[in-house]
Protein backbone atom coordinates (compact mmCIF):
# COMPACT_ATOMS: atom_id res chain seq x y z
CA MET A 1 3.26 1.95 6.33
CA ALA A 2 1.95 -1.74 5.93
CA TYR A 3 4.86 -2.78 4.02
CA PHE A 4 7.63 -1.16 6.55
CA ILE A 5 6.02 -2.80 9.30
CA LEU A 6 5.54 -6.01 7.46
CA LYS A 7 9.04 -6.11 6.31
CA ASN A 8 11.09 -5.17 9.32
CA PHE A 9 8.89 -6.35 12.25
CA LEU A 10 6.46 -8.71 11.43
CA LEU A 11 6.81 -11.29 8.50
CA GLY A 12 10.38 -10.24 7.88
CA PRO A 13 12.55 -11.20 10.69
CA ILE A 14 10.42 -14.68 10.99
CA LEU A 15 10.81 -15.25 7.40
CA LYS A 16 15.06 -14.61 7.77
CA ALA A 17 15.15 -16.62 10.63
CA LEU A 18 13.46 -19.81 8.92
CA PHE A 19 14.46 -19.56 5.46
CA ARG A 20 18.13 -18.09 6.17
CA PRO A 21 18.05 -16.90 2.72
CA TRP A 22 21.36 -16.08 1.13
CA VAL A 23 22.34 -13.07 -0.99
CA ARG A 24 24.62 -11.95 -3.94
CA GLY A 25 24.81 -8.92 -5.94
CA MET A 26 22.38 -6.59 -4.08
CA GLU A 27 24.39 -3.82 -4.51
CA ASN A 28 23.35 -4.13 -8.23
CA ILE A 29 19.92 -2.73 -7.51
CA PRO A 30 20.52 1.46 -7.30
CA ALA A 31 19.60 3.49 -4.28
CA HIS A 32 17.41 5.78 -6.48
CA GLY A 33 15.57 5.53 -9.60
CA ALA A 34 13.06 3.53 -12.02
CA VAL A 35 14.54 0.26 -12.28
CA ILE A 36 12.86 -3.29 -13.70
CA LEU A 37 13.96 -6.19 -11.59
CA ALA A 38 13.55 -9.68 -13.97
CA SER A 39 13.04 -12.67 -11.97
CA ASN A 40 13.06 -16.30 -13.07
CA HIS A 41 9.27 -17.95 -11.36
CA LEU A 42 9.99 -21.17 -9.82
CA SER A 43 7.60 -20.31 -6.76
CA PHE A 44 4.67 -18.55 -5.01
CA SER A 45 7.09 -17.45 -2.63
CA ASP A 46 9.46 -15.46 -5.12
CA SER A 47 7.25 -12.49 -4.45
CA ILE A 48 7.79 -12.76 -1.07
CA PHE A 49 11.75 -13.49 -0.56
CA LEU A 50 12.67 -10.98 -3.09
CA PRO A 51 11.15 -7.65 -1.73
CA LEU A 52 12.29 -9.00 1.78
CA GLN A 53 16.11 -8.92 0.96
CA SER A 54 15.39 -5.60 -1.50
CA ARG A 55 16.74 -2.60 0.17
CA ARG A 56 13.88 -0.49 -1.82
CA PRO A 57 10.43 -1.76 -2.05
CA VAL A 58 9.44 -3.94 -5.13
CA VAL A 59 6.32 -3.46 -7.00
CA PHE A 60 5.29 -6.50 -8.21
CA LEU A 61 2.40 -7.24 -10.95
CA ALA A 62 0.13 -9.89 -9.52
CA LYS A 63 -3.01 -11.92 -11.59
CA SER A 64 -5.79 -10.30 -10.48
CA GLU A 65 -7.58 -13.42 -9.13
CA TYR A 66 -5.27 -12.97 -6.20
CA PHE A 67 -7.41 -9.82 -5.17
CA THR A 68 -10.91 -11.08 -6.04
CA GLY A 69 -10.68 -14.54 -3.18
CA ARG A 70 -13.44 -15.02 -1.56
CA GLY A 71 -14.31 -15.58 2.21
CA LEU A 72 -11.88 -15.36 4.87
CA LYS A 73 -8.57 -16.65 3.07
CA GLY A 74 -9.63 -14.52 0.09
CA ALA A 75 -9.81 -11.27 2.08
CA LEU A 76 -6.62 -12.30 4.14
CA THR A 77 -4.80 -13.21 0.57
CA ARG A 78 -6.08 -9.45 -0.85
CA TRP A 79 -5.07 -7.86 2.25
CA PHE A 80 -1.26 -9.11 1.91
CA PHE A 81 -0.97 -8.22 -1.52
CA LYS A 82 -2.19 -4.73 -1.14
CA ALA A 83 -0.09 -4.15 1.80
CA THR A 84 3.29 -5.48 -0.28
CA GLY A 85 2.60 -2.97 -2.65
CA GLN A 86 1.30 -5.42 -5.08
CA LEU A 87 -0.68 -4.25 -8.10
CA PRO A 88 -3.55 -6.59 -9.74
CA ILE A 89 -3.30 -7.44 -13.63
CA ASP A 90 -5.61 -9.24 -16.41
CA ARG A 91 -3.37 -11.41 -18.16
CA SER A 92 -6.53 -12.48 -20.58
CA GLY A 93 -4.04 -10.61 -23.44
CA GLY A 94 -5.31 -8.14 -25.80
CA LYS A 95 -6.32 -5.08 -24.43
CA ALA A 96 -5.63 -6.23 -20.93
CA SER A 97 -2.28 -6.65 -21.71
CA GLU A 98 -1.89 -3.15 -22.95
CA ALA A 99 -3.66 -1.89 -19.54
CA SER A 100 -1.19 -3.95 -17.80
CA LEU A 101 2.01 -2.22 -19.72
CA ASN A 102 0.54 1.25 -19.08
CA THR A 103 0.19 0.01 -14.87
CA GLY A 104 4.00 -1.16 -14.91
CA LEU A 105 5.07 1.93 -16.87
CA SER A 106 2.82 4.56 -14.58
CA VAL A 107 5.05 2.48 -11.50
CA LEU A 108 8.29 3.46 -13.50
CA ALA A 109 7.33 6.94 -13.98
CA GLN A 110 7.10 7.22 -10.46
CA GLY A 111 10.76 6.18 -9.91
CA GLN A 112 10.04 3.15 -8.40
CA VAL A 113 11.47 -0.73 -8.90
CA LEU A 114 9.14 -2.61 -10.89
CA GLY A 115 9.47 -6.44 -10.72
CA ILE A 116 8.63 -8.69 -13.59
CA TYR A 117 8.36 -12.10 -14.87
CA PRO A 118 9.36 -12.53 -18.13
CA GLU A 119 8.15 -15.86 -18.23
CA GLY A 120 4.46 -15.30 -17.52
CA THR A 121 3.94 -17.71 -14.94
CA ARG A 122 5.57 -20.20 -12.89
CA SER A 123 7.90 -22.64 -13.80
CA PRO A 124 5.91 -25.75 -14.07
CA ASP A 125 9.06 -28.26 -13.76
CA GLY A 126 11.92 -25.90 -12.50
CA ARG A 127 13.23 -25.19 -15.94
CA LEU A 128 14.23 -21.66 -17.29
CA PHE A 129 10.89 -20.99 -20.17
CA ARG A 130 10.87 -18.38 -23.24
CA GLY A 131 10.40 -15.36 -22.31
CA ARG A 132 7.24 -12.88 -23.28
CA THR A 133 8.12 -9.53 -25.14
CA GLY A 134 6.19 -7.14 -22.63
CA ILE A 135 9.13 -6.41 -20.49
CA ALA A 136 11.01 -5.86 -23.32
CA ARG A 137 8.72 -3.47 -24.21
CA MET A 138 8.30 -1.80 -20.81
CA ALA A 139 12.27 -1.38 -20.54
CA LEU A 140 12.47 0.49 -24.31
CA GLU A 141 9.19 2.53 -23.36
CA SER A 142 10.29 3.70 -19.86
CA LYS A 143 14.08 3.77 -20.85
CA VAL A 144 14.96 2.19 -17.71
CA PRO A 145 17.73 -0.46 -16.92
CA VAL A 146 16.82 -3.97 -16.35
CA ILE A 147 18.42 -6.15 -13.63
CA PRO A 148 18.48 -10.03 -14.13
CA VAL A 149 17.55 -11.31 -10.58
CA ALA A 150 17.78 -15.63 -10.11
CA MET A 151 15.78 -16.97 -7.40
CA ILE A 152 17.98 -20.52 -5.96
CA ASP A 153 15.53 -22.99 -4.94
CA THR A 154 12.23 -21.69 -3.81
CA GLU A 155 10.60 -23.77 -5.76
CA LYS A 156 11.59 -26.71 -2.87
CA VAL A 157 10.27 -24.34 -0.34
CA GLN A 158 6.93 -24.08 -2.31
CA PRO A 159 6.25 -26.68 -4.92
CA ILE A 160 3.14 -25.41 -7.26
CA GLY A 161 0.10 -26.87 -5.22
CA ARG A 162 1.88 -27.32 -2.05
CA ARG A 163 -0.17 -24.74 0.31
CA PHE A 164 2.62 -24.94 3.02
CA PRO A 165 5.90 -24.52 2.72
CA ARG A 166 9.18 -26.49 3.48
CA ILE A 167 11.65 -24.66 5.51
CA ARG A 168 14.54 -25.25 4.04
CA ARG A 169 17.06 -22.42 2.97
CA ILE A 170 17.03 -20.41 -0.41
CA GLY A 171 19.08 -17.92 -2.30
CA ILE A 172 19.09 -14.55 -4.60
CA ILE A 173 21.36 -13.69 -7.17
CA VAL A 174 21.44 -9.89 -8.57
CA GLY A 175 23.20 -9.64 -11.98
CA GLU A 176 24.56 -6.50 -13.67
CA PRO A 177 22.45 -4.05 -14.75
CA LEU A 178 21.22 -4.14 -18.46
CA ASP A 179 21.54 -1.54 -21.17
CA PHE A 180 19.16 -1.54 -23.83
CA SER A 181 19.31 2.22 -24.86
CA ARG A 182 20.72 1.40 -27.97
CA PHE A 183 17.24 0.42 -29.28
CA ASP A 184 15.73 3.72 -28.13
CA GLY A 185 12.67 4.19 -30.46
CA MET A 186 12.33 0.90 -31.65
CA GLU A 187 9.97 -0.63 -28.79
CA GLY A 188 7.72 -1.05 -31.94
CA ASP A 189 9.69 -3.46 -33.76
CA ARG A 190 8.81 -7.20 -32.84
CA VAL A 191 11.89 -8.73 -33.92
CA ILE A 192 13.85 -6.15 -31.28
CA LEU A 193 11.70 -6.92 -28.62
CA ARG A 194 12.45 -10.66 -29.10
CA ALA A 195 16.05 -9.84 -29.23
CA VAL A 196 16.26 -7.73 -25.78
CA THR A 197 13.76 -10.41 -24.07
CA ASP A 198 15.98 -13.40 -25.27
CA GLU A 199 19.05 -11.28 -23.72
CA ILE A 200 17.37 -10.96 -20.81
CA MET A 201 16.51 -14.93 -20.44
CA TYR A 202 19.82 -15.73 -21.50
CA GLU A 203 21.49 -13.62 -18.49
CA LEU A 204 18.80 -15.49 -16.23
CA MET A 205 19.81 -18.56 -17.16
CA LYS A 206 23.83 -17.97 -16.74
CA LEU A 207 22.65 -16.90 -13.29
CA SER A 208 20.32 -19.43 -12.19
CA GLY A 209 22.08 -22.42 -13.65
CA GLN A 210 18.49 -23.75 -15.29
CA GLU A 211 17.78 -25.52 -18.17
CA TYR A 212 16.51 -23.44 -20.72
CA VAL A 213 13.30 -24.48 -22.76
CA ASP A 214 12.94 -22.33 -25.84
CA THR A 215 8.80 -22.52 -25.55
CA TYR A 216 6.41 -20.58 -23.45
CA ALA A 217 5.75 -22.04 -20.00
CA SER A 218 1.99 -21.55 -20.29
CA THR A 219 1.62 -23.22 -23.73
CA LEU A 220 3.47 -26.64 -21.62
CA LYS A 221 1.08 -26.04 -19.00
CA GLU A 222 -2.03 -26.25 -21.25
CA LYS A 223 -0.47 -29.55 -22.98
CA ARG A 224 -0.47 -31.14 -19.23
CA ALA A 225 -3.80 -29.87 -18.88
CA ARG A 226 -5.39 -31.28 -21.90
CA ALA A 227 -3.30 -34.92 -21.20
CA ARG A 228 -5.10 -35.21 -17.71
């Protein structure tokens, strides 16, 4: 109920009026059935604008830190993420990664739309970075299509580190569904998982027009942090 009210009567109309998002290909998201939306990740606001424009609710797996903040800001952030249907995940790796995978699979088993950022974190400089293979494993185990989604200019609205957004127009391009049924039963093959992930990232590169970098965004962020 909170999701419906926020999208249609409170936050949604205001954001649409301010940012005037343009959209292409939204008809590629099926009206029913489980599907994975694989999006590039330029800004915190990606998780707001994409569900706002989608005809169906989109469940994102959000980092657990968004649900554990203290004080009024922490309470408001926690309320917002819960109200918009986002689920907390631990991104520390190991057993936490397995738990995240199972959380995503449970969303898909319920026939819902699952939003995933294959890069694993926001792009530090606007380029498109190497995808994590978790999305491939999830797609092959659930046997659902993957739809690439390119967010356009959201990094200009809210760059990393900026608290309040700039008012400017943003765009969303939804690509055609990718079918990986030819790899049924191969979700344990690392070579196949990498090939599927790379295919998804290639489609994102074509849709977004971003320069592709064959390294993980988190690796670049760590290098920059050490250099400071």
